[in-house]
All heavy atoms as atom14 arrays in JSON, in Angstrom:
{
  "sequence": "ELNNYINFRVESKRNMELDSLNKLGYLLLPPSLIAGILGMNVGNFDK",
  "atom14_mask": [
    [1, 1, 1, 1, 1, 1, 1, 1, 1, 0, 0, 0, 0, 0],
    [1, 1, 1, 1, 1, 1, 1, 1, 0, 0, 0, 0, 0, 0],
    [1, 1, 1, 1, 1, 1, 1, 1, 0, 0, 0, 0, 0, 0],
    [1, 1, 1, 1, 1, 1, 1, 1, 0, 0, 0, 0, 0, 0],
    [1, 1, 1, 1, 1, 1, 1, 1, 1, 1, 1, 1, 0, 0],
    [1, 1, 1, 1, 1, 1, 1, 1, 0, 0, 0, 0, 0, 0],
    [1, 1, 1, 1, 1, 1, 1, 1, 0, 0, 0, 0, 0, 0],
    [1, 1, 1, 1, 1, 1, 1, 1, 1, 1, 1, 0, 0, 0],
    [1, 1, 1, 1, 1, 1, 1, 1, 1, 1, 1, 0, 0, 0],
    [1, 1, 1, 1, 1, 1, 1, 0, 0, 0, 0, 0, 0, 0],
    [1, 1, 1, 1, 1, 1, 1, 1, 1, 0, 0, 0, 0, 0],
    [1, 1, 1, 1, 1, 1, 0, 0, 0, 0, 0, 0, 0, 0],
    [1, 1, 1, 1, 1, 1, 1, 1, 1, 0, 0, 0, 0, 0],
    [1, 1, 1, 1, 1, 1, 1, 1, 1, 1, 1, 0, 0, 0],
    [1, 1, 1, 1, 1, 1, 1, 1, 0, 0, 0, 0, 0, 0],
    [1, 1, 1, 1, 1, 1, 1, 1, 0, 0, 0, 0, 0, 0],
    [1, 1, 1, 1, 1, 1, 1, 1, 1, 0, 0, 0, 0, 0],
    [1, 1, 1, 1, 1, 1, 1, 1, 0, 0, 0, 0, 0, 0],
    [1, 1, 1, 1, 1, 1, 1, 1, 0, 0, 0, 0, 0, 0],
    [1, 1, 1, 1, 1, 1, 0, 0, 0, 0, 0, 0, 0, 0],
    [1, 1, 1, 1, 1, 1, 1, 1, 0, 0, 0, 0, 0, 0],
    [1, 1, 1, 1, 1, 1, 1, 1, 0, 0, 0, 0, 0, 0],
    [1, 1, 1, 1, 1, 1, 1, 1, 1, 0, 0, 0, 0, 0],
    [1, 1, 1, 1, 1, 1, 1, 1, 0, 0, 0, 0, 0, 0],
    [1, 1, 1, 1, 0, 0, 0, 0, 0, 0, 0, 0, 0, 0],
    [1, 1, 1, 1, 1, 1, 1, 1, 1, 1, 1, 1, 0, 0],
    [1, 1, 1, 1, 1, 1, 1, 1, 0, 0, 0, 0, 0, 0],
    [1, 1, 1, 1, 1, 1, 1, 1, 0, 0, 0, 0, 0, 0],
    [1, 1, 1, 1, 1, 1, 1, 1, 0, 0, 0, 0, 0, 0],
    [1, 1, 1, 1, 1, 1, 1, 0, 0, 0, 0, 0, 0, 0],
    [1, 1, 1, 1, 1, 1, 1, 0, 0, 0, 0, 0, 0, 0],
    [1, 1, 1, 1, 1, 1, 0, 0, 0, 0, 0, 0, 0, 0],
    [1, 1, 1, 1, 1, 1, 1, 1, 0, 0, 0, 0, 0, 0],
    [1, 1, 1, 1, 1, 1, 1, 1, 0, 0, 0, 0, 0, 0],
    [1, 1, 1, 1, 1, 0, 0, 0, 0, 0, 0, 0, 0, 0],
    [1, 1, 1, 1, 0, 0, 0, 0, 0, 0, 0, 0, 0, 0],
    [1, 1, 1, 1, 1, 1, 1, 1, 0, 0, 0, 0, 0, 0],
    [1, 1, 1, 1, 1, 1, 1, 1, 0, 0, 0, 0, 0, 0],
    [1, 1, 1, 1, 0, 0, 0, 0, 0, 0, 0, 0, 0, 0],
    [1, 1, 1, 1, 1, 1, 1, 1, 0, 0, 0, 0, 0, 0],
    [1, 1, 1, 1, 1, 1, 1, 1, 0, 0, 0, 0, 0, 0],
    [1, 1, 1, 1, 1, 1, 1, 0, 0, 0, 0, 0, 0, 0],
    [1, 1, 1, 1, 0, 0, 0, 0, 0, 0, 0, 0, 0, 0],
    [1, 1, 1, 1, 1, 1, 1, 1, 0, 0, 0, 0, 0, 0],
    [1, 1, 1, 1, 1, 1, 1, 1, 1, 1, 1, 0, 0, 0],
    [1, 1, 1, 1, 1, 1, 1, 1, 0, 0, 0, 0, 0, 0],
    [1, 1, 1, 1, 1, 1, 1, 1, 1, 0, 0, 0, 0, 0]
  ],
  "atom14_positions": [
    [[229.68, 188.53, 259.09], [228.24, 188.41, 258.51], [227.34, 189.51, 258.96], [226.61, 190.0, 258.18], [227.67, 187.05, 258.79], [228.42, 185.86, 258.07], [227.9, 184.5, 258.64], [227.06, 184.47, 259.57], [228.35, 183.45, 258.02], [0.0, 0.0, 0.0], [0.0, 0.0, 0.0], [0.0, 0.0, 0.0], [0.0, 0.0, 0.0], [0.0, 0.0, 0.0]],
    [[227.43, 189.89, 260.17], [226.71, 190.93, 260.8], [227.04, 192.24, 260.16], [226.22, 193.05, 259.75], [226.9, 191.02, 262.34], [226.09, 192.04, 263.03], [224.58, 191.79, 262.92], [226.46, 192.08, 264.56], [0.0, 0.0, 0.0], [0.0, 0.0, 0.0], [0.0, 0.0, 0.0], [0.0, 0.0, 0.0], [0.0, 0.0, 0.0], [0.0, 0.0, 0.0]],
    [[228.38, 192.45, 259.96], [228.85, 193.62, 259.23], [228.35, 193.72, 257.84], [227.87, 194.76, 257.38], [230.36, 193.67, 259.36], [230.92, 194.95, 258.79], [230.58, 196.02, 259.22], [231.86, 194.83, 257.84], [0.0, 0.0, 0.0], [0.0, 0.0, 0.0], [0.0, 0.0, 0.0], [0.0, 0.0, 0.0], [0.0, 0.0, 0.0], [0.0, 0.0, 0.0]],
    [[228.41, 192.55, 257.2], [227.8, 192.52, 255.81], [226.36, 192.9, 255.74], [225.87, 193.62, 254.85], [228.08, 191.19, 255.13], [229.58, 190.9, 254.9], [230.41, 191.85, 254.76], [229.9, 189.65, 254.76], [0.0, 0.0, 0.0], [0.0, 0.0, 0.0], [0.0, 0.0, 0.0], [0.0, 0.0, 0.0], [0.0, 0.0, 0.0], [0.0, 0.0, 0.0]],
    [[225.66, 192.37, 256.74], [224.17, 192.69, 256.88], [224.0, 194.22, 257.05], [223.05, 194.84, 256.39], [223.52, 191.98, 257.86], [222.04, 192.22, 258.08], [221.13, 191.81, 257.22], [221.69, 193.03, 259.15], [219.85, 192.07, 257.25], [220.31, 193.43, 259.34], [219.39, 192.98, 258.41], [218.07, 193.32, 258.61], [0.0, 0.0, 0.0], [0.0, 0.0, 0.0]],
    [[224.8, 194.71, 258.03], [224.53, 196.2, 258.34], [224.92, 197.05, 257.13], [224.3, 197.98, 256.76], [225.48, 196.58, 259.5], [224.98, 195.85, 260.77], [225.46, 198.13, 259.73], [223.7, 196.11, 261.24], [0.0, 0.0, 0.0], [0.0, 0.0, 0.0], [0.0, 0.0, 0.0], [0.0, 0.0, 0.0], [0.0, 0.0, 0.0], [0.0, 0.0, 0.0]],
    [[226.05, 196.6, 256.44], [226.42, 197.4, 255.24], [225.39, 197.24, 254.06], [225.1, 198.18, 253.43], [227.81, 196.85, 254.6], [228.96, 197.22, 255.52], [228.89, 198.21, 256.32], [229.98, 196.44, 255.43], [0.0, 0.0, 0.0], [0.0, 0.0, 0.0], [0.0, 0.0, 0.0], [0.0, 0.0, 0.0], [0.0, 0.0, 0.0], [0.0, 0.0, 0.0]],
    [[224.82, 196.01, 254.0], [223.73, 195.83, 253.04], [222.54, 196.83, 253.35], [221.97, 197.35, 252.44], [223.36, 194.34, 253.05], [222.03, 194.16, 252.26], [222.11, 194.14, 250.93], [220.82, 193.95, 252.89], [220.94, 193.85, 250.07], [219.69, 193.6, 252.11], [219.73, 193.7, 250.72], [0.0, 0.0, 0.0], [0.0, 0.0, 0.0], [0.0, 0.0, 0.0]],
    [[222.16, 196.79, 254.64], [221.12, 197.78, 255.09], [221.33, 199.2, 254.73], [220.55, 200.0, 254.27], [220.75, 197.54, 256.49], [220.02, 196.14, 256.91], [218.63, 196.13, 256.31], [217.85, 197.16, 256.93], [217.17, 197.0, 258.02], [217.03, 195.88, 258.59], [216.38, 198.06, 258.46], [0.0, 0.0, 0.0], [0.0, 0.0, 0.0], [0.0, 0.0, 0.0]],
    [[222.62, 199.61, 255.05], [223.08, 200.91, 254.78], [222.98, 201.23, 253.32], [222.44, 202.32, 252.92], [224.44, 201.18, 255.41], [224.96, 202.56, 254.88], [224.41, 201.09, 256.88], [0.0, 0.0, 0.0], [0.0, 0.0, 0.0], [0.0, 0.0, 0.0], [0.0, 0.0, 0.0], [0.0, 0.0, 0.0], [0.0, 0.0, 0.0], [0.0, 0.0, 0.0]],
    [[223.53, 200.37, 252.46], [223.57, 200.56, 251.06], [222.18, 200.52, 250.53], [221.8, 201.31, 249.53], [224.43, 199.45, 250.35], [224.79, 199.68, 248.98], [225.75, 200.86, 248.8], [226.46, 201.19, 249.85], [225.67, 201.55, 247.82], [0.0, 0.0, 0.0], [0.0, 0.0, 0.0], [0.0, 0.0, 0.0], [0.0, 0.0, 0.0], [0.0, 0.0, 0.0]],
    [[221.27, 199.65, 250.93], [219.95, 199.6, 250.56], [219.24, 200.93, 250.86], [218.45, 201.4, 250.03], [219.16, 198.41, 251.26], [219.79, 197.14, 250.82], [0.0, 0.0, 0.0], [0.0, 0.0, 0.0], [0.0, 0.0, 0.0], [0.0, 0.0, 0.0], [0.0, 0.0, 0.0], [0.0, 0.0, 0.0], [0.0, 0.0, 0.0], [0.0, 0.0, 0.0]],
    [[219.46, 201.38, 252.08], [218.77, 202.62, 252.47], [219.25, 203.81, 251.62], [218.51, 204.63, 251.09], [219.07, 202.92, 253.91], [218.32, 204.14, 254.48], [218.6, 204.35, 255.93], [217.83, 205.52, 256.46], [218.07, 205.77, 257.88], [0.0, 0.0, 0.0], [0.0, 0.0, 0.0], [0.0, 0.0, 0.0], [0.0, 0.0, 0.0], [0.0, 0.0, 0.0]],
    [[220.66, 203.81, 251.32], [221.16, 204.84, 250.41], [220.54, 204.8, 248.99], [220.14, 205.74, 248.44], [222.67, 204.76, 250.39], [223.35, 205.87, 249.62], [224.83, 205.7, 249.54], [225.42, 205.84, 251.01], [225.98, 204.87, 251.52], [226.21, 203.67, 250.91], [226.59, 204.98, 252.67], [0.0, 0.0, 0.0], [0.0, 0.0, 0.0], [0.0, 0.0, 0.0]],
    [[220.51, 203.54, 248.55], [219.94, 203.35, 247.17], [218.45, 203.7, 247.09], [218.08, 204.31, 246.03], [220.12, 201.8, 246.74], [221.55, 201.55, 246.47], [222.37, 202.46, 246.26], [221.95, 200.3, 246.54], [0.0, 0.0, 0.0], [0.0, 0.0, 0.0], [0.0, 0.0, 0.0], [0.0, 0.0, 0.0], [0.0, 0.0, 0.0], [0.0, 0.0, 0.0]],
    [[217.76, 203.4, 248.15], [216.34, 203.78, 248.23], [216.23, 205.3, 248.16], [215.31, 205.8, 247.44], [215.7, 203.25, 249.41], [215.49, 201.72, 249.34], [214.74, 201.06, 250.83], [213.16, 201.86, 250.84], [0.0, 0.0, 0.0], [0.0, 0.0, 0.0], [0.0, 0.0, 0.0], [0.0, 0.0, 0.0], [0.0, 0.0, 0.0], [0.0, 0.0, 0.0]],
    [[217.08, 205.96, 248.91], [216.97, 207.43, 248.94], [217.33, 208.07, 247.55], [216.66, 208.97, 247.05], [217.91, 208.0, 249.96], [217.42, 207.77, 251.36], [218.49, 208.05, 252.45], [219.66, 208.32, 252.1], [218.17, 208.08, 253.63], [0.0, 0.0, 0.0], [0.0, 0.0, 0.0], [0.0, 0.0, 0.0], [0.0, 0.0, 0.0], [0.0, 0.0, 0.0]],
    [[218.43, 207.48, 246.94], [218.81, 207.85, 245.65], [217.75, 207.63, 244.58], [217.43, 208.42, 243.68], [220.09, 207.26, 245.15], [221.41, 207.66, 245.95], [222.52, 206.79, 245.47], [221.64, 209.17, 245.62], [0.0, 0.0, 0.0], [0.0, 0.0, 0.0], [0.0, 0.0, 0.0], [0.0, 0.0, 0.0], [0.0, 0.0, 0.0], [0.0, 0.0, 0.0]],
    [[217.07, 206.44, 244.72], [216.0, 206.08, 243.78], [214.83, 207.02, 243.91], [214.27, 207.4, 242.89], [215.54, 204.65, 244.07], [214.58, 204.17, 243.06], [214.93, 204.19, 241.88], [213.6, 203.69, 243.4], [0.0, 0.0, 0.0], [0.0, 0.0, 0.0], [0.0, 0.0, 0.0], [0.0, 0.0, 0.0], [0.0, 0.0, 0.0], [0.0, 0.0, 0.0]],
    [[214.62, 207.45, 245.14], [213.51, 208.36, 245.31], [213.77, 209.7, 244.71], [212.95, 210.43, 244.04], [213.16, 208.66, 246.84], [212.85, 207.33, 247.44], [0.0, 0.0, 0.0], [0.0, 0.0, 0.0], [0.0, 0.0, 0.0], [0.0, 0.0, 0.0], [0.0, 0.0, 0.0], [0.0, 0.0, 0.0], [0.0, 0.0, 0.0], [0.0, 0.0, 0.0]],
    [[215.06, 210.13, 244.83], [215.49, 211.38, 244.21], [215.36, 211.24, 242.68], [214.98, 212.23, 241.97], [216.95, 211.72, 244.62], [217.03, 212.28, 246.03], [218.57, 212.46, 246.41], [216.32, 213.59, 246.33], [0.0, 0.0, 0.0], [0.0, 0.0, 0.0], [0.0, 0.0, 0.0], [0.0, 0.0, 0.0], [0.0, 0.0, 0.0], [0.0, 0.0, 0.0]],
    [[215.72, 210.18, 242.21], [215.7, 209.93, 240.71], [214.36, 210.01, 240.18], [213.98, 210.6, 239.17], [216.42, 208.59, 240.3], [217.93, 208.65, 240.49], [218.53, 209.68, 240.45], [218.51, 207.51, 240.6], [0.0, 0.0, 0.0], [0.0, 0.0, 0.0], [0.0, 0.0, 0.0], [0.0, 0.0, 0.0], [0.0, 0.0, 0.0], [0.0, 0.0, 0.0]],
    [[213.49, 209.43, 240.96], [212.05, 209.29, 240.54], [211.44, 210.74, 240.63], [210.62, 211.14, 239.77], [211.22, 208.43, 241.44], [211.53, 206.95, 241.18], [210.75, 206.04, 242.12], [210.97, 204.53, 241.8], [210.21, 203.7, 242.7], [0.0, 0.0, 0.0], [0.0, 0.0, 0.0], [0.0, 0.0, 0.0], [0.0, 0.0, 0.0], [0.0, 0.0, 0.0]],
    [[211.81, 211.56, 241.62], [211.32, 212.85, 241.79], [211.8, 213.68, 240.63], [211.08, 214.52, 239.92], [211.73, 213.47, 243.09], [211.31, 214.89, 243.43], [209.78, 214.98, 243.41], [211.89, 215.36, 244.65], [0.0, 0.0, 0.0], [0.0, 0.0, 0.0], [0.0, 0.0, 0.0], [0.0, 0.0, 0.0], [0.0, 0.0, 0.0], [0.0, 0.0, 0.0]],
    [[213.1, 213.49, 240.23], [213.7, 214.26, 239.07], [212.97, 213.88, 237.82], [212.7, 214.74, 236.97], [0.0, 0.0, 0.0], [0.0, 0.0, 0.0], [0.0, 0.0, 0.0], [0.0, 0.0, 0.0], [0.0, 0.0, 0.0], [0.0, 0.0, 0.0], [0.0, 0.0, 0.0], [0.0, 0.0, 0.0], [0.0, 0.0, 0.0], [0.0, 0.0, 0.0]],
    [[212.73, 212.57, 237.65], [211.98, 212.08, 236.42], [210.59, 212.66, 236.29], [210.17, 213.04, 235.23], [211.94, 210.62, 236.49], [211.55, 210.0, 235.13], [212.51, 209.55, 234.1], [210.22, 209.73, 234.89], [212.21, 209.0, 232.94], [209.81, 209.16, 233.6], [210.8, 208.88, 232.74], [210.39, 208.28, 231.55], [0.0, 0.0, 0.0], [0.0, 0.0, 0.0]],
    [[209.98, 212.74, 237.51], [208.65, 213.21, 237.63], [208.53, 214.71, 237.21], [207.68, 215.18, 236.5], [207.99, 213.04, 239.01], [206.56, 213.56, 239.27], [205.56, 212.72, 238.41], [206.29, 213.35, 240.74], [0.0, 0.0, 0.0], [0.0, 0.0, 0.0], [0.0, 0.0, 0.0], [0.0, 0.0, 0.0], [0.0, 0.0, 0.0], [0.0, 0.0, 0.0]],
    [[209.57, 215.52, 237.64], [209.56, 216.99, 237.47], [210.2, 217.41, 236.13], [210.13, 218.6, 235.85], [210.26, 217.64, 238.71], [209.59, 217.47, 240.04], [210.38, 218.14, 241.11], [208.18, 218.05, 239.99], [0.0, 0.0, 0.0], [0.0, 0.0, 0.0], [0.0, 0.0, 0.0], [0.0, 0.0, 0.0], [0.0, 0.0, 0.0], [0.0, 0.0, 0.0]],
    [[210.88, 216.47, 235.54], [211.65, 216.87, 234.33], [210.75, 217.46, 233.18], [210.97, 218.5, 232.61], [212.41, 215.62, 233.77], [213.26, 215.96, 232.43], [214.2, 217.04, 232.8], [213.94, 214.73, 232.04], [0.0, 0.0, 0.0], [0.0, 0.0, 0.0], [0.0, 0.0, 0.0], [0.0, 0.0, 0.0], [0.0, 0.0, 0.0], [0.0, 0.0, 0.0]],
    [[209.65, 216.7, 232.88], [208.79, 217.26, 231.73], [208.14, 218.65, 232.21], [208.24, 219.55, 231.41], [207.67, 216.16, 231.59], [208.32, 214.92, 232.06], [209.26, 215.3, 233.19], [0.0, 0.0, 0.0], [0.0, 0.0, 0.0], [0.0, 0.0, 0.0], [0.0, 0.0, 0.0], [0.0, 0.0, 0.0], [0.0, 0.0, 0.0], [0.0, 0.0, 0.0]],
    [[207.54, 218.77, 233.39], [206.99, 220.12, 233.69], [208.07, 221.15, 233.69], [207.77, 222.39, 233.37], [206.46, 219.87, 235.18], [206.24, 218.39, 235.27], [207.3, 217.82, 234.43], [0.0, 0.0, 0.0], [0.0, 0.0, 0.0], [0.0, 0.0, 0.0], [0.0, 0.0, 0.0], [0.0, 0.0, 0.0], [0.0, 0.0, 0.0], [0.0, 0.0, 0.0]],
    [[209.37, 220.81, 234.18], [210.4, 221.83, 234.16], [210.72, 222.32, 232.79], [211.04, 223.44, 232.52], [211.63, 221.17, 234.78], [211.35, 220.74, 236.22], [0.0, 0.0, 0.0], [0.0, 0.0, 0.0], [0.0, 0.0, 0.0], [0.0, 0.0, 0.0], [0.0, 0.0, 0.0], [0.0, 0.0, 0.0], [0.0, 0.0, 0.0], [0.0, 0.0, 0.0]],
    [[210.81, 221.35, 231.81], [211.07, 221.69, 230.4], [209.92, 222.68, 229.84], [210.24, 223.59, 229.27], [211.19, 220.42, 229.6], [211.54, 220.6, 228.08], [212.9, 221.29, 227.96], [211.5, 219.28, 227.4], [0.0, 0.0, 0.0], [0.0, 0.0, 0.0], [0.0, 0.0, 0.0], [0.0, 0.0, 0.0], [0.0, 0.0, 0.0], [0.0, 0.0, 0.0]],
    [[208.71, 222.25, 230.12], [207.64, 223.15, 229.66], [207.62, 224.44, 230.26], [207.41, 225.38, 229.59], [206.26, 222.41, 229.83], [206.1, 221.01, 229.16], [205.0, 223.17, 229.48], [206.32, 221.06, 227.65], [0.0, 0.0, 0.0], [0.0, 0.0, 0.0], [0.0, 0.0, 0.0], [0.0, 0.0, 0.0], [0.0, 0.0, 0.0], [0.0, 0.0, 0.0]],
    [[207.86, 224.43, 231.58], [207.89, 225.74, 232.23], [209.03, 226.63, 231.69], [208.9, 227.84, 231.72], [208.1, 225.38, 233.84], [0.0, 0.0, 0.0], [0.0, 0.0, 0.0], [0.0, 0.0, 0.0], [0.0, 0.0, 0.0], [0.0, 0.0, 0.0], [0.0, 0.0, 0.0], [0.0, 0.0, 0.0], [0.0, 0.0, 0.0], [0.0, 0.0, 0.0]],
    [[210.13, 225.97, 231.48], [211.21, 226.68, 230.89], [210.98, 227.44, 229.62], [211.24, 228.52, 229.39], [0.0, 0.0, 0.0], [0.0, 0.0, 0.0], [0.0, 0.0, 0.0], [0.0, 0.0, 0.0], [0.0, 0.0, 0.0], [0.0, 0.0, 0.0], [0.0, 0.0, 0.0], [0.0, 0.0, 0.0], [0.0, 0.0, 0.0], [0.0, 0.0, 0.0]],
    [[210.24, 226.67, 228.7], [209.86, 227.25, 227.39], [208.91, 228.36, 227.62], [209.01, 229.43, 226.93], [209.24, 226.14, 226.45], [210.37, 225.06, 226.26], [208.75, 226.69, 225.24], [209.8, 223.83, 225.47], [0.0, 0.0, 0.0], [0.0, 0.0, 0.0], [0.0, 0.0, 0.0], [0.0, 0.0, 0.0], [0.0, 0.0, 0.0], [0.0, 0.0, 0.0]],
    [[207.91, 228.15, 228.49], [206.93, 229.17, 228.8], [207.65, 230.4, 229.35], [207.39, 231.51, 229.04], [205.86, 228.72, 229.78], [204.94, 227.62, 229.2], [204.03, 227.1, 230.33], [204.0, 228.17, 228.09], [0.0, 0.0, 0.0], [0.0, 0.0, 0.0], [0.0, 0.0, 0.0], [0.0, 0.0, 0.0], [0.0, 0.0, 0.0], [0.0, 0.0, 0.0]],
    [[208.64, 230.15, 230.26], [209.37, 231.33, 230.79], [210.18, 232.13, 229.78], [210.17, 233.31, 229.95], [0.0, 0.0, 0.0], [0.0, 0.0, 0.0], [0.0, 0.0, 0.0], [0.0, 0.0, 0.0], [0.0, 0.0, 0.0], [0.0, 0.0, 0.0], [0.0, 0.0, 0.0], [0.0, 0.0, 0.0], [0.0, 0.0, 0.0], [0.0, 0.0, 0.0]],
    [[210.64, 231.52, 228.75], [211.47, 232.32, 227.67], [210.49, 233.14, 226.87], [210.9, 234.13, 226.31], [212.12, 231.23, 226.83], [213.31, 230.55, 227.48], [214.27, 229.57, 226.33], [213.12, 228.36, 225.8], [0.0, 0.0, 0.0], [0.0, 0.0, 0.0], [0.0, 0.0, 0.0], [0.0, 0.0, 0.0], [0.0, 0.0, 0.0], [0.0, 0.0, 0.0]],
    [[209.14, 232.8, 226.87], [208.28, 233.53, 226.02], [207.26, 234.37, 226.81], [206.18, 234.77, 226.26], [207.47, 232.58, 225.06], [208.39, 231.93, 224.07], [208.76, 232.49, 222.99], [208.76, 230.68, 224.43], [0.0, 0.0, 0.0], [0.0, 0.0, 0.0], [0.0, 0.0, 0.0], [0.0, 0.0, 0.0], [0.0, 0.0, 0.0], [0.0, 0.0, 0.0]],
    [[207.61, 234.63, 228.1], [206.62, 235.36, 228.91], [206.32, 236.79, 228.43], [205.23, 237.25, 228.5], [207.13, 235.4, 230.31], [208.34, 236.28, 230.46], [206.07, 235.94, 231.37], [0.0, 0.0, 0.0], [0.0, 0.0, 0.0], [0.0, 0.0, 0.0], [0.0, 0.0, 0.0], [0.0, 0.0, 0.0], [0.0, 0.0, 0.0], [0.0, 0.0, 0.0]],
    [[207.22, 237.4, 227.65], [207.05, 238.74, 227.12], [206.05, 238.78, 226.08], [205.27, 239.62, 225.88], [0.0, 0.0, 0.0], [0.0, 0.0, 0.0], [0.0, 0.0, 0.0], [0.0, 0.0, 0.0], [0.0, 0.0, 0.0], [0.0, 0.0, 0.0], [0.0, 0.0, 0.0], [0.0, 0.0, 0.0], [0.0, 0.0, 0.0], [0.0, 0.0, 0.0]],
    [[206.17, 237.67, 225.2], [205.24, 237.51, 224.14], [203.83, 237.28, 224.57], [202.84, 237.81, 223.92], [205.66, 236.59, 223.1], [206.91, 236.8, 222.37], [207.28, 238.05, 222.2], [207.81, 235.92, 222.08], [0.0, 0.0, 0.0], [0.0, 0.0, 0.0], [0.0, 0.0, 0.0], [0.0, 0.0, 0.0], [0.0, 0.0, 0.0], [0.0, 0.0, 0.0]],
    [[203.7, 236.54, 225.69], [202.46, 236.23, 226.27], [201.64, 237.46, 226.68], [200.44, 237.59, 226.57], [202.49, 235.21, 227.36], [202.96, 233.91, 226.92], [203.68, 233.11, 227.82], [202.78, 233.39, 225.68], [204.08, 231.83, 227.42], [203.25, 232.13, 225.3], [203.86, 231.32, 226.15], [0.0, 0.0, 0.0], [0.0, 0.0, 0.0], [0.0, 0.0, 0.0]],
    [[202.45, 238.49, 227.17], [201.9, 239.66, 227.62], [201.08, 240.4, 226.46], [200.17, 241.19, 226.66], [202.83, 240.59, 228.33], [203.36, 240.02, 229.58], [202.58, 239.11, 230.23], [204.45, 240.34, 230.14], [0.0, 0.0, 0.0], [0.0, 0.0, 0.0], [0.0, 0.0, 0.0], [0.0, 0.0, 0.0], [0.0, 0.0, 0.0], [0.0, 0.0, 0.0]],
    [[201.65, 240.25, 225.19], [201.09, 241.02, 224.12], [200.0, 240.39, 223.38], [199.24, 240.9, 222.58], [202.31, 241.29, 223.01], [203.36, 242.08, 223.62], [204.53, 242.24, 222.7], [205.63, 243.05, 223.22], [206.8, 243.17, 222.23], [0.0, 0.0, 0.0], [0.0, 0.0, 0.0], [0.0, 0.0, 0.0], [0.0, 0.0, 0.0], [0.0, 0.0, 0.0]]
  ]
}
């Protein structure tokens, strides 16, 4: 039971870390897409 609890805590911690990464990725996805489009047209912006 103790081992199950420790494994649960380890898994919970790992899931929390992955969830944080997922949220960060979700947060940065729209700006990344917009920045990508802007980057492709940087030459036209200069004109």
